[in-house]
Amino acid sequence: MTAGSGHDPFLVDVDRALDALSLAWADEYDHLWHDEGSGWGAHHKDAPEDENILAQTPDELNAKIRADWARREGGPE
C-alpha cells in the first residue's frame, strides 16, 4: 500500500468474489459463502449436508471446487 492511497491491494472485495464464484459454479454448488471467522466455503448440491469445501481465499476455493467438480464428473483436474 502506498502512503496516503487508502487502498489495500490485497483486500478482497467479498461481494465481487462471491458473484464471480456464483457465476461459475451456482449450477452445481447450491451454497457459496464467506465468513470472517472461517473463510470461504461451498457445498455441492448432491453432497451430504455436512460435506463442505473450505478455503482461506476465493482463489483457493475456486481451485478446490474445480477439483471436486472434476472428481464428481470424472473429468480432468
PDB file of N, CA and C in Angstrom:
ATOM      1  N   MET A   1       0.850  -1.166   0.000  1.00  0.00           N
ATOM      2  CA  MET A   1       0.000   0.000   0.000  1.00  0.00           C
ATOM      3  C   MET A   1       0.892   1.224   0.000  1.00  0.00           C
ATOM      4  N   THR A   2       0.621   2.156  -0.859  1.00  0.00           N
ATOM      5  CA  THR A   2       1.396   3.379  -0.885  1.00  0.00           C
ATOM      6  C   THR A   2       0.847   4.340   0.151  1.00  0.00           C
ATOM      7  N   ALA A   3       1.708   5.162   0.670  1.00  0.00           N
ATOM      8  CA  ALA A   3       1.313   6.106   1.717  1.00  0.00           C
ATOM      9  C   ALA A   3       0.206   7.027   1.216  1.00  0.00           C
ATOM     10  N   GLY A   4      -0.863   7.105   1.987  1.00  0.00           N
ATOM     11  CA  GLY A   4      -1.942   8.030   1.665  1.00  0.00           C
ATOM     12  C   GLY A   4      -2.923   7.556   0.610  1.00  0.00           C
ATOM     13  N   SER A   5      -2.679   6.392   0.011  1.00  0.00           N
ATOM     14  CA  SER A   5      -3.579   5.945  -1.054  1.00  0.00           C
ATOM     15  C   SER A   5      -4.899   5.426  -0.500  1.00  0.00           C
ATOM     16  N   GLY A   6      -4.876   4.850   0.722  1.00  0.00           N
ATOM     17  CA  GLY A   6      -6.095   4.345   1.324  1.00  0.00           C
ATOM     18  C   GLY A   6      -6.622   3.073   0.684  1.00  0.00           C
ATOM     19  N   HIS A   7      -5.870   2.457  -0.215  1.00  0.00           N
ATOM     20  CA  HIS A   7      -6.314   1.241  -0.894  1.00  0.00           C
ATOM     21  C   HIS A   7      -5.356   0.107  -0.586  1.00  0.00           C
ATOM     22  N   ASP A   8      -5.883  -0.987  -0.069  1.00  0.00           N
ATOM     23  CA  ASP A   8      -5.086  -2.179   0.213  1.00  0.00           C
ATOM     24  C   ASP A   8      -5.210  -3.107  -0.989  1.00  0.00           C
ATOM     25  N   PRO A   9      -4.139  -3.314  -1.746  1.00  0.00           N
ATOM     26  CA  PRO A   9      -4.226  -4.139  -2.946  1.00  0.00           C
ATOM     27  C   PRO A   9      -4.495  -5.611  -2.645  1.00  0.00           C
ATOM     28  N   PHE A  10      -4.344  -6.042  -1.389  1.00  0.00           N
ATOM     29  CA  PHE A  10      -4.583  -7.425  -1.019  1.00  0.00           C
ATOM     30  C   PHE A  10      -5.959  -7.642  -0.417  1.00  0.00           C
ATOM     31  N   LEU A  11      -6.726  -6.582  -0.272  1.00  0.00           N
ATOM     32  CA  LEU A  11      -8.066  -6.682   0.288  1.00  0.00           C
ATOM     33  C   LEU A  11      -9.018  -7.264  -0.762  1.00  0.00           C
ATOM     34  N   VAL A  12      -9.747  -8.302  -0.400  1.00  0.00           N
ATOM     35  CA  VAL A  12     -10.670  -8.964  -1.318  1.00  0.00           C
ATOM     36  C   VAL A  12     -12.032  -8.285  -1.245  1.00  0.00           C
ATOM     37  N   ASP A  13     -12.610  -7.985  -2.396  1.00  0.00           N
ATOM     38  CA  ASP A  13     -13.978  -7.492  -2.459  1.00  0.00           C
ATOM     39  C   ASP A  13     -14.874  -8.729  -2.378  1.00  0.00           C
ATOM     40  N   VAL A  14     -15.405  -8.994  -1.188  1.00  0.00           N
ATOM     41  CA  VAL A  14     -16.154 -10.217  -0.919  1.00  0.00           C
ATOM     42  C   VAL A  14     -17.353 -10.354  -1.859  1.00  0.00           C
ATOM     43  N   ASP A  15     -18.116  -9.300  -2.032  1.00  0.00           N
ATOM     44  CA  ASP A  15     -19.302  -9.379  -2.892  1.00  0.00           C
ATOM     45  C   ASP A  15     -18.936  -9.727  -4.332  1.00  0.00           C
ATOM     46  N   ARG A  16     -17.897  -9.106  -4.851  1.00  0.00           N
ATOM     47  CA  ARG A  16     -17.481  -9.398  -6.232  1.00  0.00           C
ATOM     48  C   ARG A  16     -16.957 -10.818  -6.364  1.00  0.00           C
ATOM     49  N   ALA A  17     -16.198 -11.265  -5.362  1.00  0.00           N
ATOM     50  CA  ALA A  17     -15.669 -12.627  -5.405  1.00  0.00           C
ATOM     51  C   ALA A  17     -16.802 -13.648  -5.347  1.00  0.00           C
ATOM     52  N   LEU A  18     -17.784 -13.420  -4.474  1.00  0.00           N
ATOM     53  CA  LEU A  18     -18.933 -14.330  -4.396  1.00  0.00           C
ATOM     54  C   LEU A  18     -19.740 -14.312  -5.690  1.00  0.00           C
ATOM     55  N   ASP A  19     -19.884 -13.131  -6.292  1.00  0.00           N
ATOM     56  CA  ASP A  19     -20.577 -13.038  -7.580  1.00  0.00           C
ATOM     57  C   ASP A  19     -19.857 -13.854  -8.651  1.00  0.00           C
ATOM     58  N   ALA A  20     -18.534 -13.748  -8.697  1.00  0.00           N
ATOM     59  CA  ALA A  20     -17.758 -14.484  -9.697  1.00  0.00           C
ATOM     60  C   ALA A  20     -17.854 -15.989  -9.465  1.00  0.00           C
ATOM     61  N   LEU A  21     -17.733 -16.419  -8.214  1.00  0.00           N
ATOM     62  CA  LEU A  21     -17.860 -17.835  -7.901  1.00  0.00           C
ATOM     63  C   LEU A  21     -19.262 -18.343  -8.243  1.00  0.00           C
ATOM     64  N   SER A  22     -20.266 -17.553  -7.938  1.00  0.00           N
ATOM     65  CA  SER A  22     -21.650 -17.948  -8.241  1.00  0.00           C
ATOM     66  C   SER A  22     -21.877 -18.056  -9.742  1.00  0.00           C
ATOM     67  N   LEU A  23     -21.337 -17.111 -10.489  1.00  0.00           N
ATOM     68  CA  LEU A  23     -21.481 -17.138 -11.941  1.00  0.00           C
ATOM     69  C   LEU A  23     -20.876 -18.419 -12.511  1.00  0.00           C
ATOM     70  N   ALA A  24     -19.742 -18.813 -11.973  1.00  0.00           N
ATOM     71  CA  ALA A  24     -19.056 -20.001 -12.479  1.00  0.00           C
ATOM     72  C   ALA A  24     -19.652 -21.313 -11.976  1.00  0.00           C
ATOM     73  N   TRP A  25     -20.134 -21.329 -10.725  1.00  0.00           N
ATOM     74  CA  TRP A  25     -20.436 -22.616 -10.096  1.00  0.00           C
ATOM     75  C   TRP A  25     -21.852 -22.789  -9.555  1.00  0.00           C
ATOM     76  N   ALA A  26     -22.712 -21.815  -9.642  1.00  0.00           N
ATOM     77  CA  ALA A  26     -24.032 -21.890  -8.993  1.00  0.00           C
ATOM     78  C   ALA A  26     -24.900 -23.043  -9.512  1.00  0.00           C
ATOM     79  N   ASP A  27     -24.674 -23.503 -10.719  1.00  0.00           N
ATOM     80  CA  ASP A  27     -25.466 -24.627 -11.225  1.00  0.00           C
ATOM     81  C   ASP A  27     -25.160 -25.927 -10.488  1.00  0.00           C
ATOM     82  N   GLU A  28     -23.951 -26.071  -9.973  1.00  0.00           N
ATOM     83  CA  GLU A  28     -23.532 -27.301  -9.300  1.00  0.00           C
ATOM     84  C   GLU A  28     -23.424 -27.144  -7.779  1.00  0.00           C
ATOM     85  N   TYR A  29     -23.097 -25.956  -7.326  1.00  0.00           N
ATOM     86  CA  TYR A  29     -22.869 -25.723  -5.897  1.00  0.00           C
ATOM     87  C   TYR A  29     -23.957 -24.783  -5.393  1.00  0.00           C
ATOM     88  N   ASP A  30     -24.852 -25.346  -4.570  1.00  0.00           N
ATOM     89  CA  ASP A  30     -26.042 -24.608  -4.170  1.00  0.00           C
ATOM     90  C   ASP A  30     -25.808 -23.596  -3.058  1.00  0.00           C
ATOM     91  N   HIS A  31     -24.640 -23.618  -2.458  1.00  0.00           N
ATOM     92  CA  HIS A  31     -24.355 -22.653  -1.405  1.00  0.00           C
ATOM     93  C   HIS A  31     -22.881 -22.265  -1.460  1.00  0.00           C
ATOM     94  N   LEU A  32     -22.621 -20.994  -1.673  1.00  0.00           N
ATOM     95  CA  LEU A  32     -21.269 -20.429  -1.668  1.00  0.00           C
ATOM     96  C   LEU A  32     -21.271 -19.317  -0.635  1.00  0.00           C
ATOM     97  N   TRP A  33     -20.238 -19.255   0.201  1.00  0.00           N
ATOM     98  CA  TRP A  33     -20.267 -18.250   1.265  1.00  0.00           C
ATOM     99  C   TRP A  33     -18.876 -17.787   1.676  1.00  0.00           C
ATOM    100  N   HIS A  34     -18.896 -16.687   2.419  1.00  0.00           N
ATOM    101  CA  HIS A  34     -17.695 -16.159   3.070  1.00  0.00           C
ATOM    102  C   HIS A  34     -18.069 -15.805   4.493  1.00  0.00           C
ATOM    103  N   ASP A  35     -17.204 -16.199   5.424  1.00  0.00           N
ATOM    104  CA  ASP A  35     -17.394 -15.879   6.825  1.00  0.00           C
ATOM    105  C   ASP A  35     -16.059 -15.379   7.353  1.00  0.00           C
ATOM    106  N   GLU A  36     -16.074 -14.214   7.993  1.00  0.00           N
ATOM    107  CA  GLU A  36     -14.834 -13.630   8.507  1.00  0.00           C
ATOM    108  C   GLU A  36     -14.045 -14.609   9.365  1.00  0.00           C
ATOM    109  N   GLY A  37     -14.733 -15.419  10.154  1.00  0.00           N
ATOM    110  CA  GLY A  37     -14.053 -16.325  11.060  1.00  0.00           C
ATOM    111  C   GLY A  37     -13.539 -17.600  10.414  1.00  0.00           C
ATOM    112  N   SER A  38     -14.296 -18.149   9.477  1.00  0.00           N
ATOM    113  CA  SER A  38     -13.920 -19.450   8.915  1.00  0.00           C
ATOM    114  C   SER A  38     -13.453 -19.402   7.469  1.00  0.00           C
ATOM    115  N   GLY A  39     -13.555 -18.293   6.807  1.00  0.00           N
ATOM    116  CA  GLY A  39     -13.078 -18.172   5.435  1.00  0.00           C
ATOM    117  C   GLY A  39     -14.169 -18.404   4.402  1.00  0.00           C
ATOM    118  N   TRP A  40     -13.803 -19.064   3.325  1.00  0.00           N
ATOM    119  CA  TRP A  40     -14.666 -19.260   2.166  1.00  0.00           C
ATOM    120  C   TRP A  40     -15.155 -20.694   2.126  1.00  0.00           C
ATOM    121  N   GLY A  41     -16.382 -20.891   1.602  1.00  0.00           N
ATOM    122  CA  GLY A  41     -16.908 -22.234   1.544  1.00  0.00           C
ATOM    123  C   GLY A  41     -17.890 -22.450   0.411  1.00  0.00           C
ATOM    124  N   ALA A  42     -18.099 -23.724   0.110  1.00  0.00           N
ATOM    125  CA  ALA A  42     -19.046 -24.128  -0.925  1.00  0.00           C
ATOM    126  C   ALA A  42     -19.627 -25.484  -0.556  1.00  0.00           C
ATOM    127  N   HIS A  43     -20.830 -25.739  -1.057  1.00  0.00           N
ATOM    128  CA  HIS A  43     -21.491 -27.022  -0.845  1.00  0.00           C
ATOM    129  C   HIS A  43     -22.070 -27.486  -2.169  1.00  0.00           C
ATOM    130  N   HIS A  44     -21.687 -28.702  -2.589  1.00  0.00           N
ATOM    131  CA  HIS A  44     -22.213 -29.273  -3.829  1.00  0.00           C
ATOM    132  C   HIS A  44     -23.654 -29.713  -3.603  1.00  0.00           C
ATOM    133  N   LYS A  45     -24.496 -29.495  -4.600  1.00  0.00           N
ATOM    134  CA  LYS A  45     -25.926 -29.782  -4.481  1.00  0.00           C
ATOM    135  C   LYS A  45     -26.241 -31.246  -4.181  1.00  0.00           C
ATOM    136  N   ASP A  46     -25.364 -32.169  -4.563  1.00  0.00           N
ATOM    137  CA  ASP A  46     -25.601 -33.587  -4.336  1.00  0.00           C
ATOM    138  C   ASP A  46     -24.820 -34.158  -3.153  1.00  0.00           C
ATOM    139  N   ALA A  47     -24.064 -33.334  -2.472  1.00  0.00           N
ATOM    140  CA  ALA A  47     -23.240 -33.798  -1.352  1.00  0.00           C
ATOM    141  C   ALA A  47     -24.062 -33.877  -0.071  1.00  0.00           C
ATOM    142  N   PRO A  48     -23.639 -34.725   0.858  1.00  0.00           N
ATOM    143  CA  PRO A  48     -24.307 -34.729   2.169  1.00  0.00           C
ATOM    144  C   PRO A  48     -24.247 -33.328   2.797  1.00  0.00           C
ATOM    145  N   GLU A  49     -25.204 -33.037   3.638  1.00  0.00           N
ATOM    146  CA  GLU A  49     -25.337 -31.701   4.214  1.00  0.00           C
ATOM    147  C   GLU A  49     -24.070 -31.218   4.912  1.00  0.00           C
ATOM    148  N   ASP A  50     -23.343 -32.117   5.538  1.00  0.00           N
ATOM    149  CA  ASP A  50     -22.155 -31.714   6.298  1.00  0.00           C
ATOM    150  C   ASP A  50     -20.852 -31.797   5.494  1.00  0.00           C
ATOM    151  N   GLU A  51     -20.939 -32.050   4.199  1.00  0.00           N
ATOM    152  CA  GLU A  51     -19.751 -32.131   3.346  1.00  0.00           C
ATOM    153  C   GLU A  51     -19.554 -30.812   2.613  1.00  0.00           C
ATOM    154  N   ASN A  52     -18.682 -29.968   3.158  1.00  0.00           N
ATOM    155  CA  ASN A  52     -18.423 -28.658   2.585  1.00  0.00           C
ATOM    156  C   ASN A  52     -16.981 -28.549   2.128  1.00  0.00           C
ATOM    157  N   ILE A  53     -16.758 -27.693   1.166  1.00  0.00           N
ATOM    158  CA  ILE A  53     -15.412 -27.377   0.703  1.00  0.00           C
ATOM    159  C   ILE A  53     -15.041 -26.055   1.365  1.00  0.00           C
ATOM    160  N   LEU A  54     -13.904 -26.024   2.043  1.00  0.00           N
ATOM    161  CA  LEU A  54     -13.480 -24.829   2.765  1.00  0.00           C
ATOM    162  C   LEU A  54     -12.132 -24.354   2.266  1.00  0.00           C
ATOM    163  N   ALA A  55     -11.924 -23.033   2.302  1.00  0.00           N
ATOM    164  CA  ALA A  55     -10.672 -22.439   1.836  1.00  0.00           C
ATOM    165  C   ALA A  55     -10.437 -21.106   2.547  1.00  0.00           C
ATOM    166  N   GLN A  56      -9.233 -20.611   2.424  1.00  0.00           N
ATOM    167  CA  GLN A  56      -8.880 -19.341   3.051  1.00  0.00           C
ATOM    168  C   GLN A  56      -9.034 -18.142   2.113  1.00  0.00           C
ATOM    169  N   THR A  57      -9.034 -18.386   0.802  1.00  0.00           N
ATOM    170  CA  THR A  57      -9.169 -17.302  -0.180  1.00  0.00           C
ATOM    171  C   THR A  57     -10.156 -17.731  -1.264  1.00  0.00           C
ATOM    172  N   PRO A  58     -10.707 -16.779  -2.005  1.00  0.00           N
ATOM    173  CA  PRO A  58     -11.610 -17.170  -3.096  1.00  0.00           C
ATOM    174  C   PRO A  58     -10.887 -17.949  -4.199  1.00  0.00           C
ATOM    175  N   ASP A  59      -9.630 -17.646  -4.455  1.00  0.00           N
ATOM    176  CA  ASP A  59      -8.876 -18.398  -5.468  1.00  0.00           C
ATOM    177  C   ASP A  59      -8.668 -19.845  -5.038  1.00  0.00           C
ATOM    178  N   GLU A  60      -8.353 -20.042  -3.762  1.00  0.00           N
ATOM    179  CA  GLU A  60      -8.181 -21.393  -3.242  1.00  0.00           C
ATOM    180  C   GLU A  60      -9.510 -22.157  -3.308  1.00  0.00           C
ATOM    181  N   LEU A  61     -10.613 -21.483  -2.981  1.00  0.00           N
ATOM    182  CA  LEU A  61     -11.923 -22.125  -3.055  1.00  0.00           C
ATOM    183  C   LEU A  61     -12.240 -22.518  -4.490  1.00  0.00           C
ATOM    184  N   ASN A  62     -11.983 -21.638  -5.430  1.00  0.00           N
ATOM    185  CA  ASN A  62     -12.240 -21.946  -6.837  1.00  0.00           C
ATOM    186  C   ASN A  62     -11.448 -23.179  -7.276  1.00  0.00           C
ATOM    187  N   ALA A  63     -10.186 -23.271  -6.881  1.00  0.00           N
ATOM    188  CA  ALA A  63      -9.361 -24.426  -7.247  1.00  0.00           C
ATOM    189  C   ALA A  63      -9.910 -25.712  -6.613  1.00  0.00           C
ATOM    190  N   LYS A  64     -10.338 -25.628  -5.365  1.00  0.00           N
ATOM    191  CA  LYS A  64     -10.888 -26.809  -4.697  1.00  0.00           C
ATOM    192  C   LYS A  64     -12.233 -27.214  -5.300  1.00  0.00           C
ATOM    193  N   ILE A  65     -13.043 -26.242  -5.681  1.00  0.00           N
ATOM    194  CA  ILE A  65     -14.320 -26.547  -6.346  1.00  0.00           C
ATOM    195  C   ILE A  65     -14.043 -27.231  -7.680  1.00  0.00           C
ATOM    196  N   ARG A  66     -13.091 -26.688  -8.434  1.00  0.00           N
ATOM    197  CA  ARG A  66     -12.742 -27.268  -9.739  1.00  0.00           C
ATOM    198  C   ARG A  66     -12.308 -28.723  -9.576  1.00  0.00           C
ATOM    199  N   ALA A  67     -11.484 -29.002  -8.588  1.00  0.00           N
ATOM    200  CA  ALA A  67     -11.028 -30.375  -8.343  1.00  0.00           C
ATOM    201  C   ALA A  67     -12.192 -31.267  -7.909  1.00  0.00           C
ATOM    202  N   ASP A  68     -13.063 -30.758  -7.063  1.00  0.00           N
ATOM    203  CA  ASP A  68     -14.226 -31.521  -6.609  1.00  0.00           C
ATOM    204  C   ASP A  68     -15.160 -31.820  -7.779  1.00  0.00           C
ATOM    205  N   TRP A  69     -15.412 -30.828  -8.598  1.00  0.00           N
ATOM    206  CA  TRP A  69     -16.280 -30.997  -9.759  1.00  0.00           C
ATOM    207  C   TRP A  69     -15.690 -32.025 -10.721  1.00  0.00           C
ATOM    208  N   ALA A  70     -14.370 -31.937 -10.954  1.00  0.00           N
ATOM    209  CA  ALA A  70     -13.727 -32.896 -11.865  1.00  0.00           C
ATOM    210  C   ALA A  70     -13.836 -34.311 -11.317  1.00  0.00           C
ATOM    211  N   ARG A  71     -13.668 -34.465 -10.020  1.00  0.00           N
ATOM    212  CA  ARG A  71     -13.790 -35.783  -9.395  1.00  0.00           C
ATOM    213  C   ARG A  71     -15.208 -36.317  -9.557  1.00  0.00           C
ATOM    214  N   ARG A  72     -16.185 -35.455  -9.331  1.00  0.00           N
ATOM    215  CA  ARG A  72     -17.601 -35.874  -9.424  1.00  0.00           C
ATOM    216  C   ARG A  72     -17.994 -36.204 -10.865  1.00  0.00           C
ATOM    217  N   GLU A  73     -17.478 -35.454 -11.809  1.00  0.00           N
ATOM    218  CA  GLU A  73     -17.838 -35.634 -13.215  1.00  0.00           C
ATOM    219  C   GLU A  73     -16.912 -36.594 -13.944  1.00  0.00           C
ATOM    220  N   GLY A  74     -15.848 -36.997 -13.282  1.00  0.00           N
ATOM    221  CA  GLY A  74     -14.882 -37.894 -13.933  1.00  0.00           C
ATOM    222  C   GLY A  74     -14.010 -37.194 -14.945  1.00  0.00           C
ATOM    223  N   GLY A  75     -13.916 -35.869 -14.835  1.00  0.00           N
ATOM    224  CA  GLY A  75     -13.124 -35.095 -15.791  1.00  0.00           C
ATOM    225  C   GLY A  75     -11.723 -34.807 -15.299  1.00  0.00           C
ATOM    226  N   PRO A  76     -10.952 -34.047 -16.072  1.00  0.00           N
ATOM    227  CA  PRO A  76      -9.582 -33.704 -15.680  1.00  0.00           C
ATOM    228  C   PRO A  76      -9.579 -32.714 -14.522  1.00  0.00           C
ATOM    229  N   GLU A  77      -8.543 -32.776 -13.711  1.00  0.00           N
ATOM    230  CA  GLU A  77      -8.434 -31.832 -12.598  1.00  0.00           C
ATOM    231  C   GLU A  77      -7.687 -30.654 -13.025  1.00  0.00           C
TER     232      GLU A  77
END
